[in-house]
N, C-alpha and C. Protein backbone atom coordinates (compact mmCIF):
# COMPACT_ATOMS: atom_id res chain seq x y z
N MET A 1 -24.83 -9.88 -13.83
CA MET A 1 -23.49 -9.41 -13.56
C MET A 1 -23.34 -7.97 -14.06
N SER A 2 -22.46 -7.28 -13.42
CA SER A 2 -22.21 -5.89 -13.78
C SER A 2 -21.09 -5.79 -14.80
N ASP A 3 -21.22 -4.84 -15.70
CA ASP A 3 -20.17 -4.61 -16.70
C ASP A 3 -19.19 -3.53 -16.26
N ILE A 4 -19.27 -3.13 -15.00
CA ILE A 4 -18.36 -2.09 -14.50
C ILE A 4 -16.95 -2.65 -14.41
N GLN A 5 -16.02 -1.92 -14.97
CA GLN A 5 -14.61 -2.30 -14.88
C GLN A 5 -13.87 -1.23 -14.11
N PHE A 6 -13.17 -1.64 -13.10
CA PHE A 6 -12.41 -0.71 -12.28
C PHE A 6 -11.00 -0.62 -12.82
N PRO A 7 -10.41 0.57 -12.75
CA PRO A 7 -9.04 0.71 -13.25
C PRO A 7 -8.07 -0.11 -12.41
N ARG A 8 -7.05 -0.58 -13.05
CA ARG A 8 -5.99 -1.32 -12.37
C ARG A 8 -4.80 -0.39 -12.19
N PHE A 9 -4.33 -0.30 -10.96
CA PHE A 9 -3.18 0.55 -10.67
C PHE A 9 -2.01 -0.33 -10.28
N THR A 10 -0.82 0.07 -10.69
CA THR A 10 0.37 -0.68 -10.31
C THR A 10 0.64 -0.49 -8.83
N LYS A 11 1.45 -1.35 -8.28
CA LYS A 11 1.86 -1.24 -6.89
C LYS A 11 2.52 0.11 -6.65
N GLU A 12 3.35 0.55 -7.58
CA GLU A 12 4.05 1.83 -7.45
C GLU A 12 3.06 2.99 -7.42
N GLU A 13 2.04 2.94 -8.26
CA GLU A 13 1.03 3.99 -8.28
C GLU A 13 0.24 4.02 -6.96
N GLN A 14 -0.06 2.85 -6.43
CA GLN A 14 -0.79 2.78 -5.18
C GLN A 14 0.05 3.32 -4.02
N ILE A 15 1.32 2.96 -3.99
CA ILE A 15 2.21 3.45 -2.93
C ILE A 15 2.36 4.97 -3.04
N SER A 16 2.54 5.47 -4.23
CA SER A 16 2.68 6.91 -4.44
C SER A 16 1.44 7.66 -3.96
N ALA A 17 0.27 7.16 -4.28
CA ALA A 17 -0.98 7.81 -3.87
C ALA A 17 -1.13 7.77 -2.35
N LEU A 18 -0.75 6.67 -1.74
CA LEU A 18 -0.84 6.56 -0.29
C LEU A 18 0.11 7.53 0.40
N ILE A 19 1.31 7.66 -0.14
CA ILE A 19 2.27 8.63 0.43
C ILE A 19 1.75 10.05 0.25
N ASP A 20 1.14 10.36 -0.87
CA ASP A 20 0.55 11.68 -1.07
C ASP A 20 -0.52 11.97 -0.01
N GLN A 21 -1.33 10.98 0.31
CA GLN A 21 -2.36 11.16 1.34
C GLN A 21 -1.74 11.36 2.72
N LEU A 22 -0.71 10.58 3.02
CA LEU A 22 -0.01 10.75 4.30
C LEU A 22 0.62 12.13 4.40
N SER A 23 1.23 12.57 3.31
CA SER A 23 1.87 13.88 3.31
C SER A 23 0.85 14.99 3.54
N ALA A 24 -0.30 14.89 2.91
CA ALA A 24 -1.34 15.91 3.09
C ALA A 24 -1.77 15.98 4.56
N TYR A 25 -1.92 14.84 5.19
CA TYR A 25 -2.30 14.80 6.61
C TYR A 25 -1.21 15.40 7.48
N ILE A 26 0.01 14.95 7.27
CA ILE A 26 1.13 15.43 8.08
C ILE A 26 1.35 16.93 7.88
N GLU A 27 1.19 17.38 6.65
CA GLU A 27 1.36 18.81 6.38
C GLU A 27 0.29 19.65 7.07
N GLN A 28 -0.95 19.20 7.00
CA GLN A 28 -2.04 19.96 7.59
C GLN A 28 -1.95 20.02 9.11
N TYR A 29 -1.62 18.91 9.74
CA TYR A 29 -1.67 18.86 11.19
C TYR A 29 -0.34 19.08 11.89
N HIS A 30 0.77 18.92 11.16
CA HIS A 30 2.07 19.01 11.82
C HIS A 30 3.08 19.88 11.09
N GLY A 31 2.75 20.35 9.91
CA GLY A 31 3.65 21.21 9.17
C GLY A 31 4.79 20.50 8.46
N GLY A 32 4.73 19.19 8.40
CA GLY A 32 5.77 18.41 7.73
C GLY A 32 5.29 17.86 6.40
N THR A 33 6.19 17.23 5.68
CA THR A 33 5.84 16.63 4.39
C THR A 33 6.52 15.28 4.24
N VAL A 34 5.96 14.45 3.40
CA VAL A 34 6.56 13.18 3.03
C VAL A 34 6.60 13.14 1.51
N GLU A 35 7.77 12.92 0.95
CA GLU A 35 7.93 12.88 -0.50
C GLU A 35 8.51 11.53 -0.91
N LEU A 36 7.88 10.90 -1.88
CA LEU A 36 8.40 9.66 -2.42
C LEU A 36 9.63 9.96 -3.26
N VAL A 37 10.74 9.31 -2.94
CA VAL A 37 11.98 9.51 -3.69
C VAL A 37 12.15 8.40 -4.71
N ALA A 38 11.98 7.14 -4.27
CA ALA A 38 12.17 6.01 -5.18
C ALA A 38 11.53 4.76 -4.59
N ILE A 39 11.21 3.85 -5.48
CA ILE A 39 10.78 2.52 -5.09
C ILE A 39 11.73 1.56 -5.78
N GLU A 40 12.47 0.82 -4.99
CA GLU A 40 13.44 -0.14 -5.52
C GLU A 40 13.11 -1.51 -4.96
N GLY A 41 12.42 -2.30 -5.75
CA GLY A 41 11.97 -3.60 -5.27
C GLY A 41 10.95 -3.40 -4.17
N ASN A 42 11.24 -3.94 -2.98
CA ASN A 42 10.35 -3.79 -1.84
C ASN A 42 10.78 -2.66 -0.90
N GLU A 43 11.77 -1.88 -1.33
CA GLU A 43 12.22 -0.75 -0.51
C GLU A 43 11.63 0.55 -1.05
N VAL A 44 10.98 1.28 -0.16
CA VAL A 44 10.41 2.58 -0.50
C VAL A 44 11.27 3.64 0.17
N LYS A 45 11.81 4.54 -0.63
CA LYS A 45 12.65 5.61 -0.09
C LYS A 45 11.85 6.90 -0.10
N VAL A 46 11.82 7.56 1.06
CA VAL A 46 11.08 8.80 1.20
C VAL A 46 11.96 9.88 1.81
N HIS A 47 11.54 11.11 1.62
CA HIS A 47 12.20 12.25 2.26
C HIS A 47 11.16 12.96 3.10
N LEU A 48 11.46 13.12 4.39
CA LEU A 48 10.59 13.88 5.27
C LEU A 48 11.10 15.30 5.33
N GLY A 49 10.23 16.25 5.01
CA GLY A 49 10.63 17.64 4.95
C GLY A 49 9.76 18.52 5.81
N GLY A 50 9.89 19.83 5.60
CA GLY A 50 9.13 20.79 6.38
C GLY A 50 9.50 20.70 7.84
N ALA A 51 8.51 20.73 8.70
CA ALA A 51 8.74 20.69 10.14
C ALA A 51 9.34 19.35 10.59
N CYS A 52 9.25 18.32 9.77
CA CYS A 52 9.80 17.02 10.15
C CYS A 52 11.33 16.98 10.09
N GLU A 53 11.94 17.84 9.27
CA GLU A 53 13.38 17.77 9.03
C GLU A 53 14.22 17.82 10.29
N CYS A 54 13.92 18.72 11.18
CA CYS A 54 14.73 18.87 12.39
C CYS A 54 14.01 18.38 13.64
N CYS A 55 12.92 17.70 13.46
CA CYS A 55 12.11 17.27 14.59
C CYS A 55 12.71 16.02 15.24
N PRO A 56 12.81 15.99 16.56
CA PRO A 56 13.32 14.79 17.23
C PRO A 56 12.39 13.58 17.09
N LEU A 57 11.16 13.81 16.67
CA LEU A 57 10.21 12.70 16.49
C LEU A 57 10.20 12.16 15.07
N LEU A 58 11.15 12.59 14.23
CA LEU A 58 11.22 12.11 12.85
C LEU A 58 11.25 10.58 12.77
N PRO A 59 12.06 9.88 13.59
CA PRO A 59 12.03 8.41 13.50
C PRO A 59 10.66 7.81 13.81
N ALA A 60 9.95 8.41 14.75
CA ALA A 60 8.62 7.89 15.09
C ALA A 60 7.64 8.16 13.95
N THR A 61 7.74 9.33 13.32
CA THR A 61 6.88 9.64 12.19
C THR A 61 7.18 8.69 11.04
N LEU A 62 8.45 8.47 10.77
CA LEU A 62 8.85 7.59 9.67
C LEU A 62 8.35 6.17 9.91
N GLN A 63 8.64 5.61 11.08
CA GLN A 63 8.28 4.21 11.33
C GLN A 63 6.82 4.04 11.72
N GLY A 64 6.29 4.98 12.50
CA GLY A 64 4.91 4.84 12.97
C GLY A 64 3.88 5.18 11.92
N TRP A 65 3.98 6.35 11.35
CA TRP A 65 2.96 6.77 10.39
C TRP A 65 3.25 6.29 8.99
N VAL A 66 4.42 6.59 8.49
CA VAL A 66 4.69 6.29 7.09
C VAL A 66 4.85 4.78 6.88
N ALA A 67 5.83 4.19 7.52
CA ALA A 67 6.07 2.75 7.33
C ALA A 67 4.90 1.93 7.85
N GLY A 68 4.36 2.31 8.99
CA GLY A 68 3.23 1.56 9.56
C GLY A 68 2.02 1.54 8.64
N THR A 69 1.71 2.69 8.06
CA THR A 69 0.57 2.76 7.14
C THR A 69 0.84 1.96 5.87
N LEU A 70 2.03 2.12 5.31
CA LEU A 70 2.35 1.36 4.09
C LEU A 70 2.31 -0.14 4.33
N ARG A 71 2.80 -0.59 5.49
CA ARG A 71 2.81 -2.03 5.77
C ARG A 71 1.40 -2.60 5.94
N GLN A 72 0.44 -1.76 6.29
CA GLN A 72 -0.94 -2.25 6.39
C GLN A 72 -1.44 -2.73 5.03
N PHE A 73 -0.99 -2.08 3.97
CA PHE A 73 -1.44 -2.42 2.63
C PHE A 73 -0.42 -3.24 1.85
N PHE A 74 0.85 -3.06 2.20
CA PHE A 74 1.95 -3.75 1.51
C PHE A 74 2.90 -4.31 2.57
N PRO A 75 2.58 -5.47 3.15
CA PRO A 75 3.34 -6.01 4.28
C PRO A 75 4.81 -6.31 3.96
N ASP A 76 5.15 -6.48 2.71
CA ASP A 76 6.52 -6.83 2.34
C ASP A 76 7.41 -5.61 2.11
N VAL A 77 6.89 -4.41 2.28
CA VAL A 77 7.62 -3.19 1.98
C VAL A 77 8.40 -2.71 3.20
N THR A 78 9.61 -2.23 2.96
CA THR A 78 10.38 -1.54 4.00
C THR A 78 10.52 -0.08 3.57
N VAL A 79 10.57 0.80 4.55
CA VAL A 79 10.63 2.24 4.28
C VAL A 79 11.91 2.79 4.88
N THR A 80 12.64 3.55 4.07
CA THR A 80 13.83 4.22 4.56
C THR A 80 13.75 5.69 4.22
N SER A 81 14.40 6.49 5.06
CA SER A 81 14.43 7.94 4.85
C SER A 81 15.75 8.30 4.20
N VAL A 82 15.67 9.18 3.22
CA VAL A 82 16.87 9.68 2.55
C VAL A 82 16.87 11.20 2.64
N ASP A 83 18.06 11.77 2.56
CA ASP A 83 18.18 13.23 2.62
C ASP A 83 17.96 13.85 1.27
């Protein structure tokens, strides 16, 4: 057996890291950003900024990329956008 121990991350830390990765992708390819505002139970509140702020595709980005990606790893999470 191996004595390797992997670090344990909280659900909040994992969600935060995933949002950071999403934001980096969205910023590089679309000029927008995703910022974690709060995690309250199973609700994740984010702010979409940069080019996303006035974009008519903001709902698709929020539900398709952000919420869709988070639900792949955390099926019980809901994502809402806040100003």
